[in-house]
Amino acid sequence: MTALRKRAHAQETRFVREEELTFRAEARRNALIGLWAAVMIDTPDAEAYARGIVEAGVENPNGVIDRLHSDFEAAGVIFLEDDIRDRMTGMLRSLRDEMYAA
């Protein structure tokens, strides 16, 4: 294998690893934000609610925000979309840092 091919292979491997870490971090972040939201809206089964939030994130990139926004509205909880996004961004950053450190 030439040096160029080795380098390309290494870059592809790194890209795949980063994508896997991103997916895992986003799924974990969505689960955590789901648990937090379950407390905010006083949902009886927080674990099931969090799983639903994770599924919403897999199905649609904006699914988590849309679901949280509609659930908060239905529960009468006032929370700005920007605040939710900020919380999600902070969680994702922390989770990615933890995963890269491991």
N, C-alpha and C. Protein backbone atom coordinates (compact mmCIF):
# COMPACT_ATOMS: atom_id res chain seq x y z
N MET A 1 0.85 -1.17 0.00
CA MET A 1 0.00 0.00 0.00
C MET A 1 0.90 1.23 0.00
N THR A 2 0.60 2.15 -0.86
CA THR A 2 1.42 3.36 -0.93
C THR A 2 1.12 4.28 0.24
N ALA A 3 2.00 5.21 0.43
CA ALA A 3 1.83 6.16 1.54
C ALA A 3 0.54 6.96 1.39
N LEU A 4 0.20 7.30 0.15
CA LEU A 4 -1.02 8.06 -0.10
C LEU A 4 -2.26 7.24 0.27
N ARG A 5 -2.25 5.97 -0.08
CA ARG A 5 -3.38 5.10 0.25
C ARG A 5 -3.49 4.90 1.76
N LYS A 6 -2.34 4.74 2.41
CA LYS A 6 -2.35 4.59 3.87
C LYS A 6 -2.93 5.84 4.53
N ARG A 7 -2.53 6.98 4.02
CA ARG A 7 -3.04 8.23 4.58
C ARG A 7 -4.54 8.36 4.34
N ALA A 8 -4.99 8.02 3.15
CA ALA A 8 -6.43 8.07 2.85
C ALA A 8 -7.21 7.11 3.74
N HIS A 9 -6.67 5.92 3.93
CA HIS A 9 -7.33 4.94 4.79
C HIS A 9 -7.40 5.45 6.23
N ALA A 10 -6.33 6.06 6.70
CA ALA A 10 -6.31 6.59 8.06
C ALA A 10 -7.34 7.71 8.22
N GLN A 11 -7.47 8.55 7.20
CA GLN A 11 -8.45 9.63 7.26
C GLN A 11 -9.87 9.08 7.24
N GLU A 12 -10.11 8.06 6.43
CA GLU A 12 -11.44 7.44 6.38
C GLU A 12 -11.78 6.80 7.73
N THR A 13 -10.81 6.13 8.32
CA THR A 13 -11.03 5.50 9.62
C THR A 13 -11.34 6.55 10.68
N ARG A 14 -10.61 7.64 10.66
CA ARG A 14 -10.84 8.73 11.61
C ARG A 14 -12.23 9.33 11.40
N PHE A 15 -12.61 9.53 10.15
CA PHE A 15 -13.93 10.09 9.85
C PHE A 15 -15.04 9.19 10.38
N VAL A 16 -14.92 7.89 10.14
CA VAL A 16 -15.93 6.93 10.61
C VAL A 16 -16.01 6.97 12.13
N ARG A 17 -14.88 7.00 12.78
CA ARG A 17 -14.86 7.05 14.26
C ARG A 17 -15.53 8.32 14.77
N GLU A 18 -15.23 9.44 14.16
CA GLU A 18 -15.83 10.71 14.57
C GLU A 18 -17.34 10.71 14.36
N GLU A 19 -17.79 10.14 13.24
CA GLU A 19 -19.23 10.06 12.98
C GLU A 19 -19.92 9.16 14.00
N GLU A 20 -19.30 8.06 14.35
CA GLU A 20 -19.87 7.16 15.36
C GLU A 20 -19.95 7.85 16.71
N LEU A 21 -18.90 8.56 17.09
CA LEU A 21 -18.91 9.29 18.36
C LEU A 21 -19.98 10.37 18.36
N THR A 22 -20.12 11.06 17.24
CA THR A 22 -21.14 12.10 17.14
C THR A 22 -22.53 11.50 17.29
N PHE A 23 -22.78 10.39 16.61
CA PHE A 23 -24.09 9.75 16.71
C PHE A 23 -24.38 9.32 18.14
N ARG A 24 -23.40 8.69 18.77
CA ARG A 24 -23.59 8.23 20.15
C ARG A 24 -23.78 9.40 21.11
N ALA A 25 -23.01 10.47 20.91
CA ALA A 25 -23.14 11.64 21.77
C ALA A 25 -24.50 12.30 21.59
N GLU A 26 -24.97 12.40 20.35
CA GLU A 26 -26.28 13.00 20.10
C GLU A 26 -27.40 12.15 20.70
N ALA A 27 -27.30 10.84 20.57
CA ALA A 27 -28.31 9.96 21.15
C ALA A 27 -28.32 10.09 22.67
N ARG A 28 -27.15 10.12 23.27
CA ARG A 28 -27.06 10.26 24.73
C ARG A 28 -27.58 11.63 25.16
N ARG A 29 -27.21 12.67 24.42
CA ARG A 29 -27.70 14.01 24.72
C ARG A 29 -29.22 14.05 24.65
N ASN A 30 -29.80 13.42 23.62
CA ASN A 30 -31.25 13.41 23.46
C ASN A 30 -31.92 12.66 24.61
N ALA A 31 -31.29 11.59 25.07
CA ALA A 31 -31.84 10.86 26.22
C ALA A 31 -31.81 11.74 27.47
N LEU A 32 -30.70 12.42 27.69
CA LEU A 32 -30.58 13.29 28.87
C LEU A 32 -31.55 14.46 28.81
N ILE A 33 -31.68 15.06 27.63
CA ILE A 33 -32.62 16.19 27.50
C ILE A 33 -34.05 15.68 27.66
N GLY A 34 -34.30 14.44 27.24
CA GLY A 34 -35.62 13.85 27.44
C GLY A 34 -35.93 13.62 28.90
N LEU A 35 -34.94 13.16 29.67
CA LEU A 35 -35.13 12.98 31.11
C LEU A 35 -35.38 14.32 31.80
N TRP A 36 -34.62 15.32 31.40
CA TRP A 36 -34.81 16.66 31.95
C TRP A 36 -36.21 17.18 31.62
N ALA A 37 -36.62 17.03 30.37
CA ALA A 37 -37.94 17.52 29.95
C ALA A 37 -39.05 16.76 30.66
N ALA A 38 -38.85 15.48 30.89
CA ALA A 38 -39.87 14.68 31.60
C ALA A 38 -40.12 15.25 32.99
N VAL A 39 -39.06 15.71 33.65
CA VAL A 39 -39.22 16.34 34.96
C VAL A 39 -39.95 17.67 34.82
N MET A 40 -39.57 18.43 33.80
CA MET A 40 -40.18 19.75 33.59
C MET A 40 -41.68 19.66 33.33
N ILE A 41 -42.11 18.63 32.59
CA ILE A 41 -43.54 18.52 32.26
C ILE A 41 -44.25 17.51 33.15
N ASP A 42 -43.53 16.98 34.13
CA ASP A 42 -44.09 16.05 35.11
C ASP A 42 -44.69 14.81 34.45
N THR A 43 -43.89 14.16 33.62
CA THR A 43 -44.31 12.93 32.96
C THR A 43 -44.09 11.76 33.91
N PRO A 44 -45.07 10.87 34.04
CA PRO A 44 -44.93 9.75 34.98
C PRO A 44 -43.84 8.75 34.62
N ASP A 45 -43.63 8.48 33.34
CA ASP A 45 -42.62 7.51 32.92
C ASP A 45 -41.50 8.23 32.16
N ALA A 46 -40.54 8.74 32.92
CA ALA A 46 -39.47 9.54 32.33
C ALA A 46 -38.62 8.75 31.35
N GLU A 47 -38.36 7.48 31.65
CA GLU A 47 -37.52 6.65 30.77
C GLU A 47 -38.18 6.47 29.40
N ALA A 48 -39.47 6.18 29.40
CA ALA A 48 -40.19 6.00 28.14
C ALA A 48 -40.24 7.31 27.36
N TYR A 49 -40.43 8.40 28.07
CA TYR A 49 -40.45 9.70 27.41
C TYR A 49 -39.09 10.00 26.77
N ALA A 50 -38.01 9.72 27.50
CA ALA A 50 -36.66 9.96 26.98
C ALA A 50 -36.40 9.10 25.74
N ARG A 51 -36.87 7.85 25.75
CA ARG A 51 -36.70 7.00 24.55
C ARG A 51 -37.44 7.61 23.36
N GLY A 52 -38.61 8.17 23.61
CA GLY A 52 -39.36 8.83 22.54
C GLY A 52 -38.63 10.03 21.98
N ILE A 53 -37.95 10.76 22.85
CA ILE A 53 -37.17 11.91 22.41
C ILE A 53 -35.99 11.45 21.55
N VAL A 54 -35.33 10.38 21.96
CA VAL A 54 -34.21 9.83 21.17
C VAL A 54 -34.72 9.41 19.79
N GLU A 55 -35.85 8.73 19.74
CA GLU A 55 -36.42 8.31 18.46
C GLU A 55 -36.77 9.50 17.59
N ALA A 56 -37.30 10.56 18.20
CA ALA A 56 -37.63 11.76 17.44
C ALA A 56 -36.38 12.36 16.81
N GLY A 57 -35.26 12.29 17.51
CA GLY A 57 -34.01 12.82 16.98
C GLY A 57 -33.44 12.00 15.85
N VAL A 58 -33.68 10.69 15.88
CA VAL A 58 -33.19 9.82 14.82
C VAL A 58 -34.03 10.01 13.56
N GLU A 59 -35.32 10.18 13.73
CA GLU A 59 -36.23 10.30 12.59
C GLU A 59 -36.08 11.62 11.85
N ASN A 60 -35.77 12.69 12.58
CA ASN A 60 -35.75 14.02 11.99
C ASN A 60 -34.72 14.87 12.73
N PRO A 61 -33.84 15.56 12.03
CA PRO A 61 -32.83 16.37 12.71
C PRO A 61 -33.42 17.41 13.68
N ASN A 62 -34.57 17.96 13.34
CA ASN A 62 -35.23 18.93 14.22
C ASN A 62 -36.30 18.29 15.09
N GLY A 63 -36.37 16.97 15.07
CA GLY A 63 -37.43 16.26 15.78
C GLY A 63 -37.42 16.48 17.27
N VAL A 64 -36.24 16.57 17.86
CA VAL A 64 -36.15 16.75 19.32
C VAL A 64 -36.73 18.11 19.70
N ILE A 65 -36.28 19.15 19.02
CA ILE A 65 -36.76 20.51 19.31
C ILE A 65 -38.27 20.58 19.09
N ASP A 66 -38.74 20.05 17.97
CA ASP A 66 -40.18 20.09 17.67
C ASP A 66 -40.99 19.38 18.74
N ARG A 67 -40.52 18.21 19.13
CA ARG A 67 -41.25 17.42 20.14
C ARG A 67 -41.24 18.12 21.49
N LEU A 68 -40.08 18.61 21.91
CA LEU A 68 -40.00 19.30 23.19
C LEU A 68 -40.87 20.55 23.20
N HIS A 69 -40.81 21.29 22.12
CA HIS A 69 -41.60 22.52 22.03
C HIS A 69 -43.09 22.22 22.15
N SER A 70 -43.56 21.22 21.42
CA SER A 70 -44.99 20.89 21.47
C SER A 70 -45.38 20.30 22.83
N ASP A 71 -44.52 19.48 23.42
CA ASP A 71 -44.82 18.89 24.72
C ASP A 71 -44.82 19.94 25.83
N PHE A 72 -43.87 20.87 25.77
CA PHE A 72 -43.84 21.95 26.76
C PHE A 72 -45.09 22.81 26.63
N GLU A 73 -45.44 23.12 25.39
CA GLU A 73 -46.63 23.94 25.16
C GLU A 73 -47.88 23.24 25.69
N ALA A 74 -48.02 21.95 25.41
CA ALA A 74 -49.18 21.18 25.87
C ALA A 74 -49.24 21.12 27.39
N ALA A 75 -48.08 21.10 28.04
CA ALA A 75 -48.03 21.02 29.50
C ALA A 75 -48.11 22.39 30.17
N GLY A 76 -48.10 23.44 29.36
CA GLY A 76 -48.16 24.79 29.91
C GLY A 76 -46.84 25.26 30.48
N VAL A 77 -45.75 24.65 30.06
CA VAL A 77 -44.41 25.04 30.52
C VAL A 77 -43.85 26.03 29.51
N ILE A 78 -43.43 27.17 30.01
CA ILE A 78 -42.89 28.20 29.13
C ILE A 78 -41.38 28.04 29.09
N PHE A 79 -40.88 27.73 27.91
CA PHE A 79 -39.45 27.57 27.71
C PHE A 79 -39.15 27.99 26.29
N LEU A 80 -38.23 28.92 26.11
CA LEU A 80 -37.90 29.41 24.78
C LEU A 80 -37.11 28.36 24.00
N GLU A 81 -37.38 28.30 22.72
CA GLU A 81 -36.68 27.35 21.85
C GLU A 81 -35.17 27.58 21.89
N ASP A 82 -34.76 28.84 21.94
CA ASP A 82 -33.32 29.14 22.00
C ASP A 82 -32.69 28.60 23.28
N ASP A 83 -33.43 28.64 24.38
CA ASP A 83 -32.92 28.10 25.64
C ASP A 83 -32.76 26.58 25.55
N ILE A 84 -33.70 25.93 24.90
CA ILE A 84 -33.61 24.48 24.70
C ILE A 84 -32.40 24.15 23.84
N ARG A 85 -32.23 24.90 22.74
CA ARG A 85 -31.08 24.68 21.85
C ARG A 85 -29.76 24.90 22.59
N ASP A 86 -29.70 25.95 23.40
CA ASP A 86 -28.48 26.23 24.17
C ASP A 86 -28.17 25.08 25.13
N ARG A 87 -29.19 24.58 25.81
CA ARG A 87 -29.00 23.46 26.74
C ARG A 87 -28.51 22.23 25.97
N MET A 88 -29.11 21.97 24.81
CA MET A 88 -28.71 20.81 24.01
C MET A 88 -27.28 20.95 23.50
N THR A 89 -26.91 22.15 23.07
CA THR A 89 -25.56 22.39 22.58
C THR A 89 -24.53 22.18 23.69
N GLY A 90 -24.82 22.69 24.86
CA GLY A 90 -23.91 22.52 26.00
C GLY A 90 -23.76 21.06 26.39
N MET A 91 -24.88 20.33 26.40
CA MET A 91 -24.83 18.90 26.73
C MET A 91 -24.00 18.14 25.70
N LEU A 92 -24.22 18.43 24.42
CA LEU A 92 -23.50 17.73 23.37
C LEU A 92 -22.00 18.00 23.47
N ARG A 93 -21.65 19.23 23.73
CA ARG A 93 -20.23 19.59 23.86
C ARG A 93 -19.59 18.81 25.01
N SER A 94 -20.27 18.76 26.14
CA SER A 94 -19.74 18.03 27.30
C SER A 94 -19.61 16.54 27.02
N LEU A 95 -20.63 15.97 26.40
CA LEU A 95 -20.60 14.54 26.10
C LEU A 95 -19.50 14.19 25.10
N ARG A 96 -19.33 15.02 24.08
CA ARG A 96 -18.26 14.78 23.10
C ARG A 96 -16.90 14.86 23.77
N ASP A 97 -16.72 15.84 24.64
CA ASP A 97 -15.45 15.97 25.35
C ASP A 97 -15.17 14.72 26.19
N GLU A 98 -16.20 14.22 26.88
CA GLU A 98 -16.04 13.01 27.68
C GLU A 98 -15.68 11.81 26.81
N MET A 99 -16.35 11.69 25.67
CA MET A 99 -16.10 10.54 24.79
C MET A 99 -14.72 10.60 24.17
N TYR A 100 -14.26 11.78 23.80
CA TYR A 100 -12.93 11.90 23.22
C TYR A 100 -11.85 11.65 24.26
N ALA A 101 -12.15 11.99 25.51
CA ALA A 101 -11.18 11.78 26.58
C ALA A 101 -11.05 10.30 26.93
N ALA A 102 -12.11 9.54 26.70
CA ALA A 102 -12.10 8.11 27.07
C ALA A 102 -11.27 7.29 26.11
